[in-house]
Amino acid sequence: MADDVSGTEIPSDIAALSFEDALAQLEGIVRSLEGGDSALDDAIAAYERGAALKRHCESKLRQAQARVDKISLGADGNPEASPADVG
């Protein structure tokens, strides 16, 4: 199992998913739960998987934001000029 930034373990099968794949699975779970046709035990298991998928997606988004922030900062730690600022 992999840890996300919050320290909560994410199952390895979920940790291996891309953001897009995890989000698609999460959307499917939400649709299924909203349908209300699942047995209670199945609904609980789906909810638990959905919670792990949500944590994974949030972790992926934080990682992407950190990468963007790193790209946006110059070597001195100050924001670099964007192409729109050059003129």
C-alpha atoms as a PDB file:
ATOM      1  CA  MET A   1       0.000   0.000   0.000  1.00  0.00           C
ATOM      2  CA  ALA A   2       1.147   3.535  -0.754  1.00  0.00           C
ATOM      3  CA  ASP A   3       0.841   6.508   1.559  1.00  0.00           C
ATOM      4  CA  ASP A   4      -0.665   9.747   0.381  1.00  0.00           C
ATOM      5  CA  VAL A   5       0.498  13.082   1.788  1.00  0.00           C
ATOM      6  CA  SER A   6      -2.005  12.864   4.672  1.00  0.00           C
ATOM      7  CA  GLY A   7      -0.413   9.611   5.859  1.00  0.00           C
ATOM      8  CA  THR A   8      -3.483   7.514   5.043  1.00  0.00           C
ATOM      9  CA  GLU A   9      -2.635   4.373   3.130  1.00  0.00           C
ATOM     10  CA  ILE A  10      -3.950   4.010  -0.390  1.00  0.00           C
ATOM     11  CA  PRO A  11      -4.295   0.453  -1.762  1.00  0.00           C
ATOM     12  CA  SER A  12      -1.558  -0.333  -4.267  1.00  0.00           C
ATOM     13  CA  ASP A  13      -4.036  -1.000  -7.085  1.00  0.00           C
ATOM     14  CA  ILE A  14      -5.399   2.530  -6.641  1.00  0.00           C
ATOM     15  CA  ALA A  15      -1.955   4.091  -6.182  1.00  0.00           C
ATOM     16  CA  ALA A  16      -0.963   2.701  -9.586  1.00  0.00           C
ATOM     17  CA  LEU A  17      -3.839   4.511 -11.336  1.00  0.00           C
ATOM     18  CA  SER A  18      -3.453   7.744 -13.241  1.00  0.00           C
ATOM     19  CA  PHE A  19      -5.503  10.698 -12.056  1.00  0.00           C
ATOM     20  CA  GLU A  20      -7.864  10.289 -15.009  1.00  0.00           C
ATOM     21  CA  ASP A  21      -8.430   6.569 -14.422  1.00  0.00           C
ATOM     22  CA  ALA A  22      -8.986   7.077 -10.690  1.00  0.00           C
ATOM     23  CA  LEU A  23     -11.445   9.891 -11.351  1.00  0.00           C
ATOM     24  CA  ALA A  24     -13.355   7.762 -13.870  1.00  0.00           C
ATOM     25  CA  GLN A  25     -13.640   4.931 -11.332  1.00  0.00           C
ATOM     26  CA  LEU A  26     -14.750   7.382  -8.640  1.00  0.00           C
ATOM     27  CA  GLU A  27     -17.431   8.794 -10.944  1.00  0.00           C
ATOM     28  CA  GLY A  28     -18.658   5.256 -11.652  1.00  0.00           C
ATOM     29  CA  ILE A  29     -18.896   4.497  -7.938  1.00  0.00           C
ATOM     30  CA  VAL A  30     -20.831   7.709  -7.305  1.00  0.00           C
ATOM     31  CA  ARG A  31     -23.305   6.856 -10.091  1.00  0.00           C
ATOM     32  CA  SER A  32     -23.716   3.349  -8.710  1.00  0.00           C
ATOM     33  CA  LEU A  33     -24.293   4.552  -5.160  1.00  0.00           C
ATOM     34  CA  GLU A  34     -26.737   7.216  -6.324  1.00  0.00           C
ATOM     35  CA  GLY A  35     -28.693   4.486  -8.099  1.00  0.00           C
ATOM     36  CA  GLY A  36     -29.314   2.822  -4.756  1.00  0.00           C
ATOM     37  CA  ASP A  37     -29.472  -0.679  -6.209  1.00  0.00           C
ATOM     38  CA  SER A  38     -26.479  -2.116  -4.333  1.00  0.00           C
ATOM     39  CA  ALA A  39     -26.675  -4.428  -1.364  1.00  0.00           C
ATOM     40  CA  LEU A  40     -25.550  -2.767   1.862  1.00  0.00           C
ATOM     41  CA  ASP A  41     -22.216  -4.618   2.061  1.00  0.00           C
ATOM     42  CA  ASP A  42     -21.480  -3.828  -1.585  1.00  0.00           C
ATOM     43  CA  ALA A  43     -22.377  -0.171  -1.058  1.00  0.00           C
ATOM     44  CA  ILE A  44     -20.068   0.058   1.962  1.00  0.00           C
ATOM     45  CA  ALA A  45     -17.199  -1.549   0.042  1.00  0.00           C
ATOM     46  CA  ALA A  46     -17.817   0.815  -2.887  1.00  0.00           C
ATOM     47  CA  TYR A  47     -17.875   3.806  -0.527  1.00  0.00           C
ATOM     48  CA  GLU A  48     -14.558   2.727   1.032  1.00  0.00           C
ATOM     49  CA  ARG A  49     -12.979   2.339  -2.413  1.00  0.00           C
ATOM     50  CA  GLY A  50     -14.423   5.704  -3.426  1.00  0.00           C
ATOM     51  CA  ALA A  51     -12.869   7.345  -0.377  1.00  0.00           C
ATOM     52  CA  ALA A  52      -9.465   5.871  -1.290  1.00  0.00           C
ATOM     53  CA  LEU A  53      -9.881   6.989  -4.908  1.00  0.00           C
ATOM     54  CA  LYS A  54     -10.736  10.503  -3.692  1.00  0.00           C
ATOM     55  CA  ARG A  55      -7.601  10.635  -1.518  1.00  0.00           C
ATOM     56  CA  HIS A  56      -5.520   9.415  -4.462  1.00  0.00           C
ATOM     57  CA  CYS A  57      -6.975  12.068  -6.786  1.00  0.00           C
ATOM     58  CA  GLU A  58      -6.349  14.783  -4.192  1.00  0.00           C
ATOM     59  CA  SER A  59      -2.758  13.605  -3.798  1.00  0.00           C
ATOM     60  CA  LYS A  60      -2.225  13.646  -7.572  1.00  0.00           C
ATOM     61  CA  LEU A  61      -3.618  17.183  -7.745  1.00  0.00           C
ATOM     62  CA  ARG A  62      -1.294  18.358  -4.941  1.00  0.00           C
ATOM     63  CA  GLN A  63       1.659  16.800  -6.775  1.00  0.00           C
ATOM     64  CA  ALA A  64       0.666  18.542 -10.009  1.00  0.00           C
ATOM     65  CA  GLN A  65       0.290  21.866  -8.194  1.00  0.00           C
ATOM     66  CA  ALA A  66       3.743  21.457  -6.656  1.00  0.00           C
ATOM     67  CA  ARG A  67       5.213  20.822 -10.113  1.00  0.00           C
ATOM     68  CA  VAL A  68       3.493  23.915 -11.523  1.00  0.00           C
ATOM     69  CA  ASP A  69       4.694  25.992  -8.566  1.00  0.00           C
ATOM     70  CA  LYS A  70       8.238  24.755  -9.110  1.00  0.00           C
ATOM     71  CA  ILE A  71       8.108  25.646 -12.794  1.00  0.00           C
ATOM     72  CA  SER A  72       6.654  29.067 -11.977  1.00  0.00           C
ATOM     73  CA  LEU A  73       9.448  30.016  -9.558  1.00  0.00           C
ATOM     74  CA  GLY A  74      12.882  31.090 -10.681  1.00  0.00           C
ATOM     75  CA  ALA A  75      16.136  29.914  -9.127  1.00  0.00           C
ATOM     76  CA  ASP A  76      15.947  32.757  -6.596  1.00  0.00           C
ATOM     77  CA  GLY A  77      12.498  31.617  -5.420  1.00  0.00           C
ATOM     78  CA  ASN A  78      10.737  34.592  -6.985  1.00  0.00           C
ATOM     79  CA  PRO A  79       8.102  34.247  -9.682  1.00  0.00           C
ATOM     80  CA  GLU A  80       9.473  34.315 -13.193  1.00  0.00           C
ATOM     81  CA  ALA A  81       7.939  36.491 -15.871  1.00  0.00           C
ATOM     82  CA  SER A  82       5.327  34.711 -17.898  1.00  0.00           C
ATOM     83  CA  PRO A  83       5.359  35.009 -21.705  1.00  0.00           C
ATOM     84  CA  ALA A  84       2.530  37.563 -21.434  1.00  0.00           C
ATOM     85  CA  ASP A  85       4.777  39.806 -19.269  1.00  0.00           C
ATOM     86  CA  VAL A  86       7.515  40.015 -21.879  1.00  0.00           C
ATOM     87  CA  GLY A  87       7.075  42.934 -24.160  1.00  0.00           C
END
